């Protein structure tokens, strides 16, 4: 069972979406995440740097003759933090007990 834990690093809307998108795949190309979120390269780079510094995202750059690309992977620590953060958001939402 995942322990609910609010995570300030993940909570920012773009970072939460980045982590959610990466959780569904083994890895994703930078441009796919950028286009999915409809944000600029610079905005995505800023958020990825925060996640990378926290150990939540691994960045891999390819090289060679083909066009270079950057791949993003949610680390095991990132997956654990995301699961805890989502569990905490669900716990908070359940307290509201709003009528449907």
C-alpha atoms as a PDB file:
ATOM      1  CA  UNK A   1       0.000   0.000   0.000  1.00  0.00           C
ATOM      2  CA  UNK A   2       1.265   3.455  -0.908  1.00  0.00           C
ATOM      3  CA  UNK A   3       1.709   5.880   1.952  1.00  0.00           C
ATOM      4  CA  UNK A   4       0.035   9.238   1.187  1.00  0.00           C
ATOM      5  CA  UNK A   5       2.657  11.994   1.115  1.00  0.00           C
ATOM      6  CA  UNK A   6       2.238  15.480  -0.330  1.00  0.00           C
ATOM      7  CA  UNK A   7       5.227  16.325  -2.525  1.00  0.00           C
ATOM      8  CA  UNK A   8       5.882  20.021  -3.207  1.00  0.00           C
ATOM      9  CA  UNK A   9       8.217  19.178  -6.071  1.00  0.00           C
ATOM     10  CA  UNK A  10       5.641  17.138  -7.975  1.00  0.00           C
ATOM     11  CA  UNK A  11       2.627  19.280  -7.061  1.00  0.00           C
ATOM     12  CA  UNK A  12       3.280  22.074  -9.590  1.00  0.00           C
ATOM     13  CA  UNK A  13       0.755  21.432 -12.397  1.00  0.00           C
ATOM     14  CA  UNK A  14       3.275  20.989 -15.219  1.00  0.00           C
ATOM     15  CA  UNK A  15       5.521  18.739 -13.117  1.00  0.00           C
ATOM     16  CA  UNK A  16       2.540  16.646 -12.025  1.00  0.00           C
ATOM     17  CA  UNK A  17       1.534  16.193 -15.661  1.00  0.00           C
ATOM     18  CA  UNK A  18       5.112  15.360 -16.700  1.00  0.00           C
ATOM     19  CA  UNK A  19       5.320  12.674 -14.020  1.00  0.00           C
ATOM     20  CA  UNK A  20       1.891  11.296 -14.929  1.00  0.00           C
ATOM     21  CA  UNK A  21       2.804  11.081 -18.607  1.00  0.00           C
ATOM     22  CA  UNK A  22       6.111   9.382 -17.818  1.00  0.00           C
ATOM     23  CA  UNK A  23       4.491   6.949 -15.371  1.00  0.00           C
ATOM     24  CA  UNK A  24       2.516   5.428 -18.242  1.00  0.00           C
ATOM     25  CA  UNK A  25       5.610   4.584 -20.316  1.00  0.00           C
ATOM     26  CA  UNK A  26       9.160   3.335 -19.913  1.00  0.00           C
ATOM     27  CA  UNK A  27      10.490   6.604 -21.337  1.00  0.00           C
ATOM     28  CA  UNK A  28       9.345   9.402 -23.620  1.00  0.00           C
ATOM     29  CA  UNK A  29      11.035  11.789 -25.976  1.00  0.00           C
ATOM     30  CA  UNK A  30      11.282  15.387 -24.763  1.00  0.00           C
ATOM     31  CA  UNK A  31       9.297  16.645 -27.762  1.00  0.00           C
ATOM     32  CA  UNK A  32       6.410  14.247 -27.060  1.00  0.00           C
ATOM     33  CA  UNK A  33       6.045  15.572 -23.508  1.00  0.00           C
ATOM     34  CA  UNK A  34       6.425  19.177 -24.717  1.00  0.00           C
ATOM     35  CA  UNK A  35       3.746  18.742 -27.366  1.00  0.00           C
ATOM     36  CA  UNK A  36       1.450  16.838 -25.011  1.00  0.00           C
ATOM     37  CA  UNK A  37       1.564  19.655 -22.477  1.00  0.00           C
ATOM     38  CA  UNK A  38       1.534  22.360 -25.152  1.00  0.00           C
ATOM     39  CA  UNK A  39       4.416  24.245 -23.547  1.00  0.00           C
ATOM     40  CA  UNK A  40       7.698  25.642 -24.864  1.00  0.00           C
ATOM     41  CA  UNK A  41      11.055  23.886 -24.757  1.00  0.00           C
ATOM     42  CA  UNK A  42      12.289  26.349 -22.140  1.00  0.00           C
ATOM     43  CA  UNK A  43       9.316  25.799 -19.824  1.00  0.00           C
ATOM     44  CA  UNK A  44       9.641  22.030 -20.073  1.00  0.00           C
ATOM     45  CA  UNK A  45      13.412  22.222 -19.552  1.00  0.00           C
ATOM     46  CA  UNK A  46      12.912  24.234 -16.366  1.00  0.00           C
ATOM     47  CA  UNK A  47      10.475  21.702 -14.918  1.00  0.00           C
ATOM     48  CA  UNK A  48      12.548  18.707 -16.003  1.00  0.00           C
ATOM     49  CA  UNK A  49      15.607  20.234 -14.302  1.00  0.00           C
ATOM     50  CA  UNK A  50      13.692  20.475 -11.004  1.00  0.00           C
ATOM     51  CA  UNK A  51      12.526  16.865 -11.319  1.00  0.00           C
ATOM     52  CA  UNK A  52      16.019  15.718 -12.318  1.00  0.00           C
ATOM     53  CA  UNK A  53      17.632  17.511  -9.379  1.00  0.00           C
ATOM     54  CA  UNK A  54      15.158  15.763  -7.054  1.00  0.00           C
ATOM     55  CA  UNK A  55      16.079  12.395  -8.543  1.00  0.00           C
ATOM     56  CA  UNK A  56      12.595  11.883  -9.998  1.00  0.00           C
ATOM     57  CA  UNK A  57      13.457  12.045 -13.707  1.00  0.00           C
ATOM     58  CA  UNK A  58      16.458  10.735 -15.636  1.00  0.00           C
ATOM     59  CA  UNK A  59      17.485  12.580 -18.805  1.00  0.00           C
ATOM     60  CA  UNK A  60      19.255  10.696 -21.585  1.00  0.00           C
ATOM     61  CA  UNK A  61      20.584  12.395 -24.712  1.00  0.00           C
ATOM     62  CA  UNK A  62      21.231  10.350 -27.828  1.00  0.00           C
ATOM     63  CA  UNK A  63      24.119  11.088 -30.144  1.00  0.00           C
ATOM     64  CA  UNK A  64      25.322   9.941 -33.506  1.00  0.00           C
ATOM     65  CA  UNK A  65      24.545  10.731 -37.114  1.00  0.00           C
ATOM     66  CA  UNK A  66      20.773  10.703 -36.691  1.00  0.00           C
ATOM     67  CA  UNK A  67      19.171  13.810 -35.247  1.00  0.00           C
ATOM     68  CA  UNK A  68      19.961  14.039 -31.552  1.00  0.00           C
ATOM     69  CA  UNK A  69      17.087  13.549 -29.155  1.00  0.00           C
ATOM     70  CA  UNK A  70      16.453  13.797 -25.451  1.00  0.00           C
ATOM     71  CA  UNK A  71      14.597  11.067 -23.583  1.00  0.00           C
ATOM     72  CA  UNK A  72      12.940  11.371 -20.182  1.00  0.00           C
ATOM     73  CA  UNK A  73      12.398   8.498 -17.768  1.00  0.00           C
ATOM     74  CA  UNK A  74      10.583   8.525 -14.430  1.00  0.00           C
ATOM     75  CA  UNK A  75      12.977   6.960 -11.909  1.00  0.00           C
ATOM     76  CA  UNK A  76      11.892   4.457  -9.256  1.00  0.00           C
ATOM     77  CA  UNK A  77      12.101   7.307  -6.715  1.00  0.00           C
ATOM     78  CA  UNK A  78       9.934   9.426  -9.011  1.00  0.00           C
ATOM     79  CA  UNK A  79       7.352   6.660  -9.352  1.00  0.00           C
ATOM     80  CA  UNK A  80       7.222   6.236  -5.577  1.00  0.00           C
ATOM     81  CA  UNK A  81       6.901   9.988  -4.987  1.00  0.00           C
ATOM     82  CA  UNK A  82       4.162  10.283  -7.620  1.00  0.00           C
ATOM     83  CA  UNK A  83       2.212   7.381  -6.130  1.00  0.00           C
ATOM     84  CA  UNK A  84       2.445   8.912  -2.651  1.00  0.00           C
ATOM     85  CA  UNK A  85       1.450  12.350  -3.915  1.00  0.00           C
ATOM     86  CA  UNK A  86      -1.568  10.991  -5.811  1.00  0.00           C
ATOM     87  CA  UNK A  87      -2.601   8.984  -2.751  1.00  0.00           C
ATOM     88  CA  UNK A  88      -2.435  12.167  -0.655  1.00  0.00           C
ATOM     89  CA  UNK A  89      -4.486  14.120  -3.204  1.00  0.00           C
ATOM     90  CA  UNK A  90      -7.111  11.349  -3.143  1.00  0.00           C
ATOM     91  CA  UNK A  91      -7.111  11.424   0.676  1.00  0.00           C
ATOM     92  CA  UNK A  92      -7.627  15.193   0.673  1.00  0.00           C
ATOM     93  CA  UNK A  93     -10.360  14.987  -1.974  1.00  0.00           C
ATOM     94  CA  UNK A  94     -12.155  12.306   0.040  1.00  0.00           C
ATOM     95  CA  UNK A  95     -12.336  14.672   3.027  1.00  0.00           C
ATOM     96  CA  UNK A  96     -14.469  17.064   0.974  1.00  0.00           C
ATOM     97  CA  UNK A  97     -17.235  14.485   0.618  1.00  0.00           C
ATOM     98  CA  UNK A  98     -19.021  16.625  -1.956  1.00  0.00           C
ATOM     99  CA  UNK A  99     -22.439  15.528  -3.182  1.00  0.00           C
ATOM    100  CA  UNK A 100     -22.444  14.142  -6.710  1.00  0.00           C
END
